[in-house]
Amino acid sequence: MSYKKFETEAIRTQLERTEFLEHSSPLYLTSSFVFEDAEDMRASFSEEKQRNIYSRFTNPNTSEFVEKICKMEGAESGYAFATGMAAVFSTFAALLDSGDHIVSARSVFGSTHALFTKFLPKWQISTSYFNVNEPDTIESLITPKTKILFAETPTNPAVDIIDLDLLGSIAKKHNLILVIDNCFATPYLQQPIKHGAHLVIHSATKLIDGQGRVLGGVTVGQADLVREIYLFSRNTGPAMSPFNAWVLSKSLETLSVRVDKHCENALKVAEFLETHPKVSWVKYPFLKSHPQYEVAKKQMKLGGNIVAFEVKGGIEAGRQFLNSIKMCSLSANLGDTRTIVTHPASTTHSKLSEEDRLEVSITDGLVRVSVGLEHVDDVIADLKQALEN
């Protein structure tokens, strides 16, 4: 049965009940599945019959999780992975051939950047980057070898916004596959397929889980493209575990209420930071001061849980800010119930030159806050005392 509302789909999309009539979907912790007879086995392996064979291929728990994400994103099909980066790598590896070319936003997750610059070139797959603040340069980067147009929006860690309608129109004009990493927004806040994306990727480790418990990734979208990704992954083995799929499927049942609260808290944190004398600037998609505020309002339901701001005083001030934090967590993760603070210039992006950091809007004093579900007054109080120290 299909439901009209997002929240209902997230809760009521589940496996068929067994003879035990369980209310919550059971765990299927099995590596393989048995066959009734030789004909059943033959038909299953020839794919005349759609059924579970081996949990590296499909499993009831991963199928339930994927079905939920597909309904939320408006996708035809999908495949679940052990991690978000397994989803990113497998998507590109399945669809690209030697000599192909990618056009990507420069502001991408660090491991995605490493994939584009260190690993895909081994197979003669090249990437050209566009600045997220200069989208009019995208078409000049497209060559006859270009196959994929890729972007994250909002971006990590500077929370820039890229116009999905513009990307969709460019991809259609040049017959490119548009792939969007929708991790920061989740399908609750943004559905890139509505804007022309062919594939959508999530690190389910972040807001989809929302509680820092398990790793996971998923790619959903156009069925023929997902078919190629499935065949690649079936043979290379980056599949999500049934247990993690079960956890993540349950997590989706509370995604809307969690993300609503995350966004409410994040907006209040951003508004507080804008008034603080030791903060140079604040970027949050639903602040009117955000350079792409109108685009964000057009394509997102709410502004998400990530706030970026600059502490006056550069790298040392950023380090001192982290050292002064008392309640919030210092972690490389995001999208958790717990508020997390990072200073990219001295940690995650410290190996980049200052010039390279500035290309992706990472200034020396940039701090990224993944705003959690604590009472917002306590979050603001911790940030305030850290700034004053």
Protein backbone atom coordinates (compact mmCIF):
# COMPACT_ATOMS: atom_id res chain seq x y z
CA MET A 1 0.00 0.00 0.00
CA SER A 2 1.20 3.50 -0.80
CA TYR A 3 0.54 6.47 1.48
CA LYS A 4 0.38 10.15 0.63
CA LYS A 5 2.35 11.57 3.52
CA PHE A 6 6.10 11.31 4.14
CA GLU A 7 5.79 10.46 7.83
CA THR A 8 3.31 7.66 7.19
CA GLU A 9 5.48 6.10 4.49
CA ALA A 10 8.44 6.14 6.89
CA ILE A 11 6.50 4.26 9.55
CA ARG A 12 4.13 1.99 7.63
CA THR A 13 6.43 0.77 4.83
CA GLN A 14 7.63 -2.59 6.13
CA LEU A 15 8.14 -6.25 5.36
CA GLU A 16 5.19 -8.57 5.10
CA ARG A 17 4.47 -10.13 8.46
CA THR A 18 5.44 -13.74 9.03
CA GLU A 19 3.16 -16.33 10.62
CA PHE A 20 4.13 -14.81 14.00
CA LEU A 21 2.36 -11.54 13.08
CA GLU A 22 5.10 -9.34 14.52
CA HIS A 23 4.28 -5.63 14.79
CA SER A 24 7.89 -4.53 14.14
CA SER A 25 9.91 -6.04 11.30
CA PRO A 26 12.12 -8.90 12.51
CA LEU A 27 15.85 -9.19 11.99
CA TYR A 28 17.05 -11.54 9.26
CA LEU A 29 20.57 -12.33 10.44
CA THR A 30 21.37 -14.94 7.84
CA SER A 31 24.08 -15.04 5.22
CA SER A 32 22.04 -17.07 2.73
CA PHE A 33 18.60 -18.44 1.91
CA VAL A 34 17.53 -21.98 0.94
CA PHE A 35 15.60 -23.22 -2.09
CA GLU A 36 12.63 -25.53 -2.34
CA ASP A 37 14.11 -27.62 -5.15
CA ALA A 38 16.45 -27.52 -8.16
CA GLU A 39 13.94 -25.63 -10.32
CA ASP A 40 13.42 -22.97 -7.65
CA MET A 41 17.19 -22.56 -7.39
CA ARG A 42 17.63 -22.35 -11.19
CA ALA A 43 14.84 -19.79 -11.59
CA SER A 44 16.22 -17.68 -8.74
CA PHE A 45 19.77 -17.52 -10.12
CA SER A 46 18.51 -16.77 -13.63
CA GLU A 47 16.43 -13.96 -12.10
CA GLU A 48 13.20 -15.35 -13.52
CA LYS A 49 12.09 -15.34 -9.90
CA GLN A 50 12.76 -12.34 -7.64
CA ARG A 51 13.76 -13.64 -4.24
CA ASN A 52 16.52 -13.51 -1.66
CA ILE A 53 19.54 -15.69 -2.46
CA TYR A 54 22.47 -14.32 -0.49
CA SER A 55 22.64 -11.30 1.83
CA ARG A 56 25.43 -9.73 -0.22
CA PHE A 57 22.83 -9.42 -3.00
CA THR A 58 19.62 -8.68 -1.10
CA ASN A 59 18.19 -9.28 2.35
CA PRO A 60 14.68 -8.55 3.69
CA ASN A 61 16.01 -5.90 6.09
CA THR A 62 18.06 -4.04 3.48
CA SER A 63 15.15 -4.27 1.05
CA GLU A 64 12.81 -2.63 3.56
CA PHE A 65 15.29 0.18 4.22
CA VAL A 66 15.85 0.80 0.51
CA GLU A 67 12.11 0.78 -0.22
CA LYS A 68 11.55 3.46 2.40
CA ILE A 69 14.30 5.70 1.01
CA CYS A 70 12.96 5.22 -2.53
CA LYS A 71 9.48 6.31 -1.47
CA MET A 72 10.87 9.31 0.40
CA GLU A 73 13.05 10.43 -2.52
CA GLY A 74 10.59 9.55 -5.29
CA ALA A 75 13.07 7.04 -6.73
CA GLU A 76 12.45 3.92 -8.80
CA SER A 77 15.07 1.66 -7.23
CA GLY A 78 18.06 1.60 -4.90
CA TYR A 79 20.85 -0.34 -3.22
CA ALA A 80 22.12 -0.13 0.38
CA PHE A 81 25.83 -0.03 1.24
CA ALA A 82 28.04 -0.60 4.26
CA THR A 83 28.98 3.12 4.40
CA GLY A 84 28.26 6.39 2.66
CA MET A 85 31.62 6.29 0.89
CA ALA A 86 30.92 2.74 -0.31
CA ALA A 87 27.81 4.20 -1.94
CA VAL A 88 29.77 7.05 -3.52
CA PHE A 89 32.58 4.85 -4.85
CA SER A 90 30.31 2.07 -6.10
CA THR A 91 28.04 4.53 -7.89
CA PHE A 92 30.92 6.06 -9.83
CA ALA A 93 32.77 2.78 -10.39
CA ALA A 94 29.66 1.10 -11.78
CA LEU A 95 28.74 3.87 -14.21
CA LEU A 96 32.10 5.15 -15.47
CA ASP A 97 34.53 3.68 -17.98
CA SER A 98 38.20 4.46 -18.57
CA GLY A 99 38.47 7.85 -20.23
CA ASP A 100 35.22 9.23 -18.81
CA HIS A 101 35.03 12.65 -17.19
CA ILE A 102 33.19 14.07 -14.16
CA VAL A 103 32.19 17.67 -13.54
CA SER A 104 31.80 18.23 -9.81
CA ALA A 105 31.31 21.02 -7.34
CA ARG A 106 34.65 21.71 -5.63
CA SER A 107 33.01 21.69 -2.20
CA VAL A 108 32.64 17.97 -1.58
CA PHE A 109 33.33 15.64 1.32
CA GLY A 110 37.08 15.08 1.81
CA SER A 111 36.97 11.37 0.98
CA THR A 112 34.98 12.10 -2.18
CA HIS A 113 37.65 14.61 -3.18
CA ALA A 114 40.32 11.93 -2.56
CA LEU A 115 38.36 9.49 -4.72
CA PHE A 116 38.24 12.01 -7.58
CA THR A 117 41.88 13.09 -7.35
CA LYS A 118 43.82 10.03 -6.14
CA PHE A 119 41.93 6.87 -7.04
CA LEU A 120 39.70 7.32 -10.09
CA PRO A 121 42.65 8.73 -12.10
CA LYS A 122 44.24 5.27 -11.82
CA TRP A 123 41.57 4.18 -14.29
CA GLN A 124 41.95 7.32 -16.45
CA ILE A 125 38.76 8.85 -15.05
CA SER A 126 39.22 12.61 -14.62
CA THR A 127 37.35 15.33 -12.73
CA SER A 128 36.95 19.06 -13.30
CA TYR A 129 35.71 21.22 -10.45
CA PHE A 130 33.45 24.27 -10.47
CA ASN A 131 33.23 26.80 -7.66
CA VAL A 132 29.82 26.57 -5.98
CA ASN A 133 29.57 30.35 -6.06
CA GLU A 134 30.25 30.44 -9.83
CA PRO A 135 27.67 28.04 -11.32
CA ASP A 136 27.81 29.88 -14.64
CA THR A 137 31.19 28.18 -15.26
CA ILE A 138 29.76 24.64 -15.21
CA GLU A 139 29.01 24.35 -18.91
CA SER A 140 32.49 25.51 -19.89
CA LEU A 141 33.91 22.43 -18.11
CA ILE A 142 31.79 19.90 -19.99
CA THR A 143 33.59 17.90 -22.69
CA PRO A 144 32.53 15.08 -25.03
CA LYS A 145 33.89 12.68 -22.39
CA THR A 146 31.81 14.11 -19.53
CA LYS A 147 29.34 11.56 -18.20
CA ILE A 148 28.41 12.65 -14.66
CA LEU A 149 27.56 15.98 -13.06
CA PHE A 150 27.96 15.75 -9.27
CA ALA A 151 27.28 18.01 -6.31
CA GLU A 152 26.49 18.12 -2.61
CA THR A 153 23.99 20.68 -1.38
CA PRO A 154 24.17 22.01 1.28
CA THR A 155 27.94 21.70 1.03
CA ASN A 156 30.35 20.44 3.67
CA PRO A 157 31.51 22.26 5.75
CA ALA A 158 30.66 25.80 4.61
CA VAL A 159 26.91 25.17 4.05
CA ASP A 160 26.75 26.71 0.58
CA ILE A 161 23.65 26.02 -1.50
CA ILE A 162 23.66 24.95 -5.16
CA ASP A 163 20.59 25.47 -7.34
CA LEU A 164 19.26 21.98 -8.13
CA ASP A 165 16.99 23.25 -10.91
CA LEU A 166 20.03 24.75 -12.64
CA LEU A 167 22.00 21.50 -12.32
CA GLY A 168 19.01 19.54 -13.61
CA SER A 169 18.66 21.76 -16.67
CA ILE A 170 22.39 21.53 -17.47
CA ALA A 171 22.36 17.74 -17.09
CA LYS A 172 19.36 17.46 -19.40
CA LYS A 173 20.84 19.81 -22.01
CA HIS A 174 24.13 17.88 -22.18
CA ASN A 175 22.72 14.38 -21.59
CA LEU A 176 24.63 13.90 -18.34
CA ILE A 177 23.84 11.75 -15.32
CA LEU A 178 23.11 14.12 -12.43
CA VAL A 179 24.18 12.63 -9.09
CA ILE A 180 23.40 14.51 -5.87
CA ASP A 181 24.74 13.78 -2.40
CA ASN A 182 21.70 14.62 -0.25
CA CYS A 183 23.27 13.73 3.10
CA PHE A 184 22.98 17.13 4.81
CA ALA A 185 19.36 17.70 3.82
CA THR A 186 17.93 14.15 4.06
CA PRO A 187 14.91 13.23 1.91
CA TYR A 188 12.71 14.96 4.49
CA LEU A 189 14.03 18.41 3.62
CA GLN A 190 14.93 17.99 -0.07
CA GLN A 191 14.18 15.61 -2.94
CA PRO A 192 16.72 16.21 -5.75
CA ILE A 193 14.93 13.86 -8.17
CA LYS A 194 12.11 16.42 -8.38
CA HIS A 195 14.69 18.87 -9.73
CA GLY A 196 16.18 16.59 -12.38
CA ALA A 197 18.63 14.37 -10.49
CA HIS A 198 18.99 10.81 -11.80
CA LEU A 199 20.62 9.41 -8.65
CA VAL A 200 20.69 10.46 -5.00
CA ILE A 201 23.29 9.31 -2.48
CA HIS A 202 23.12 9.35 1.33
CA SER A 203 25.53 8.61 4.09
CA ALA A 204 22.92 7.03 6.34
CA THR A 205 25.47 7.23 9.16
CA LYS A 206 24.50 10.88 9.64
CA LEU A 207 20.96 12.22 10.14
CA ILE A 208 19.22 9.11 8.83
CA ASP A 209 20.57 7.14 11.79
CA GLY A 210 20.72 10.29 13.86
CA GLN A 211 22.14 8.71 17.00
CA GLY A 212 25.73 7.81 16.11
CA ARG A 213 25.14 4.05 16.25
CA VAL A 214 25.77 2.43 12.88
CA LEU A 215 27.39 3.02 9.49
CA GLY A 216 25.47 2.89 6.25
CA GLY A 217 24.98 4.35 2.79
CA VAL A 218 22.39 4.19 0.04
CA THR A 219 22.02 5.17 -3.62
CA VAL A 220 18.55 5.52 -5.12
CA GLY A 221 17.19 6.77 -8.41
CA GLN A 222 16.56 5.74 -12.00
CA ALA A 223 16.07 1.98 -12.27
CA ASP A 224 18.39 1.30 -15.20
CA LEU A 225 21.25 3.15 -13.52
CA VAL A 226 20.64 1.44 -10.18
CA ARG A 227 20.68 -1.89 -12.00
CA GLU A 228 24.29 -1.23 -13.06
CA ILE A 229 25.20 -0.21 -9.52
CA TYR A 230 23.54 -3.36 -8.15
CA LEU A 231 25.43 -5.66 -10.53
CA PHE A 232 28.73 -3.99 -9.66
CA SER A 233 28.03 -4.20 -5.92
CA ARG A 234 26.73 -7.76 -6.05
CA ASN A 235 30.15 -8.79 -7.33
CA THR A 236 32.36 -6.47 -5.28
CA GLY A 237 30.66 -6.84 -1.92
CA PRO A 238 30.06 -3.40 -0.31
CA ALA A 239 26.60 -4.44 0.95
CA MET A 240 24.97 -3.08 4.09
CA SER A 241 24.59 -5.58 6.94
CA PRO A 242 21.06 -6.74 7.81
CA PHE A 243 21.45 -5.49 11.38
CA ASN A 244 22.44 -1.98 10.29
CA ALA A 245 19.58 -1.94 7.78
CA TRP A 246 17.14 -2.91 10.55
CA VAL A 247 18.45 -0.10 12.78
CA LEU A 248 18.32 2.46 9.96
CA SER A 249 14.84 1.44 8.88
CA LYS A 250 13.63 2.04 12.42
CA SER A 251 15.52 5.36 12.47
CA LEU A 252 13.54 6.54 9.45
CA GLU A 253 10.35 6.26 11.50
CA THR A 254 11.46 9.25 13.60
CA LEU A 255 13.36 11.16 10.90
CA SER A 256 10.76 13.90 10.43
CA VAL A 257 10.30 14.73 14.11
CA ARG A 258 14.05 14.63 14.75
CA VAL A 259 14.96 16.80 11.77
CA ASP A 260 12.20 19.31 12.59
CA LYS A 261 13.77 19.80 16.03
CA HIS A 262 17.33 19.84 14.66
CA CYS A 263 16.34 22.64 12.28
CA GLU A 264 14.49 24.61 14.95
CA ASN A 265 17.54 24.47 17.23
CA ALA A 266 20.00 25.23 14.42
CA LEU A 267 18.16 28.39 13.38
CA LYS A 268 18.21 29.67 16.96
CA VAL A 269 21.93 28.90 17.26
CA ALA A 270 22.61 30.70 13.96
CA GLU A 271 20.61 33.75 15.08
CA PHE A 272 22.55 33.87 18.35
CA LEU A 273 25.92 33.63 16.59
CA GLU A 274 25.02 36.49 14.23
CA THR A 275 24.80 38.81 17.25
CA HIS A 276 28.09 37.79 18.90
CA PRO A 277 30.96 40.30 18.63
CA LYS A 278 33.64 37.59 18.30
CA VAL A 279 31.96 36.08 15.20
CA SER A 280 32.85 37.51 11.77
CA TRP A 281 30.07 35.82 9.82
CA VAL A 282 27.47 33.04 10.05
CA LYS A 283 26.11 30.81 7.28
CA TYR A 284 22.88 28.90 7.69
CA PRO A 285 20.58 28.22 4.72
CA PHE A 286 17.47 29.73 6.31
CA LEU A 287 19.18 32.89 7.59
CA LYS A 288 18.26 35.82 5.34
CA SER A 289 21.94 36.79 5.33
CA HIS A 290 22.92 33.54 3.58
CA PRO A 291 24.09 34.32 0.00
CA GLN A 292 21.84 31.61 -1.45
CA TYR A 293 18.89 32.14 0.93
CA GLU A 294 16.29 32.36 -1.85
CA VAL A 295 17.58 29.17 -3.52
CA ALA A 296 17.52 27.36 -0.18
CA LYS A 297 13.93 28.42 0.48
CA LYS A 298 12.97 27.22 -3.01
CA GLN A 299 14.38 23.70 -2.76
CA MET A 300 14.51 22.92 0.98
CA LYS A 301 11.69 22.52 3.50
CA LEU A 302 13.86 23.77 6.37
CA GLY A 303 17.50 24.79 6.75
CA GLY A 304 19.05 21.61 8.14
CA ASN A 305 21.13 21.13 11.28
CA ILE A 306 24.54 22.45 10.18
CA VAL A 307 25.68 25.97 11.05
CA ALA A 308 29.01 27.38 9.86
CA PHE A 309 30.58 30.49 11.36
CA GLU A 310 33.96 32.21 11.61
CA VAL A 311 35.62 32.95 14.93
CA LYS A 312 37.69 36.13 14.80
CA GLY A 313 41.39 35.38 15.26
CA GLY A 314 42.10 32.65 12.71
CA ILE A 315 43.40 29.13 13.33
CA GLU A 316 44.58 29.71 16.90
CA ALA A 317 41.25 31.24 17.87
CA GLY A 318 39.49 28.23 16.32
CA ARG A 319 41.64 25.83 18.36
CA GLN A 320 41.07 27.81 21.54
CA PHE A 321 37.34 27.74 20.86
CA LEU A 322 37.42 23.92 20.67
CA ASN A 323 39.49 23.74 23.85
CA SER A 324 36.90 25.89 25.64
CA ILE A 325 33.90 23.75 24.72
CA LYS A 326 32.45 22.00 27.78
CA MET A 327 29.21 20.25 26.78
CA CYS A 328 29.22 19.88 22.99
CA SER A 329 31.19 17.01 21.50
CA LEU A 330 34.42 17.32 19.51
CA SER A 331 33.93 14.68 16.84
CA ALA A 332 34.31 14.09 13.11
CA ASN A 333 30.69 12.92 12.80
CA LEU A 334 27.54 14.98 12.30
CA GLY A 335 23.77 14.58 12.38
CA ASP A 336 23.78 13.13 15.90
CA THR A 337 21.38 13.81 18.78
CA ARG A 338 24.43 15.37 20.45
CA THR A 339 25.71 18.74 19.23
CA ILE A 340 29.13 18.35 17.57
CA VAL A 341 31.70 21.09 16.96
CA THR A 342 34.65 20.90 14.55
CA HIS A 343 37.33 23.34 13.34
CA PRO A 344 38.20 22.16 9.81
CA ALA A 345 41.35 24.27 9.29
CA SER A 346 43.15 22.59 12.19
CA THR A 347 41.61 19.11 11.85
CA THR A 348 39.77 17.59 8.88
CA HIS A 349 41.24 19.98 6.28
CA SER A 350 44.57 20.78 7.96
CA LYS A 351 46.57 19.00 5.22
CA LEU A 352 45.25 21.37 2.57
CA SER A 353 47.05 24.60 1.79
CA GLU A 354 45.33 27.83 2.83
CA GLU A 355 44.68 28.52 -0.87
CA ASP A 356 43.00 25.13 -1.35
CA ARG A 357 40.91 25.62 1.78
CA LEU A 358 39.71 29.01 0.61
CA GLU A 359 38.60 27.44 -2.70
CA VAL A 360 35.98 25.52 -0.72
CA SER A 361 35.13 28.47 1.57
CA ILE A 362 37.08 27.14 4.56
CA THR A 363 38.60 30.15 6.29
CA ASP A 364 41.10 29.80 9.14
CA GLY A 365 38.48 30.56 11.78
CA LEU A 366 35.63 28.52 10.29
CA VAL A 367 33.77 26.39 12.83
CA ARG A 368 31.11 23.85 11.83
CA VAL A 369 28.38 23.06 14.33
CA SER A 370 26.14 20.03 13.88
CA VAL A 371 23.31 21.17 16.12
CA GLY A 372 21.79 18.35 18.14
CA LEU A 373 18.62 17.74 20.12
CA GLU A 374 19.68 19.02 23.52
CA HIS A 375 17.73 22.02 24.84
CA VAL A 376 18.86 24.85 22.63
CA ASP A 377 19.51 27.14 25.61
CA ASP A 378 22.20 24.73 26.84
CA VAL A 379 23.79 24.53 23.38
CA ILE A 380 23.88 28.32 23.07
CA ALA A 381 25.27 28.69 26.60
CA ASP A 382 28.17 26.35 25.79
CA LEU A 383 28.97 28.14 22.53
CA LYS A 384 28.75 31.51 24.28
CA GLN A 385 31.16 30.63 27.07
CA ALA A 386 33.58 29.08 24.57
CA LEU A 387 33.55 32.24 22.47
CA GLU A 388 34.15 34.40 25.51
CA ASN A 389 37.14 32.28 26.49
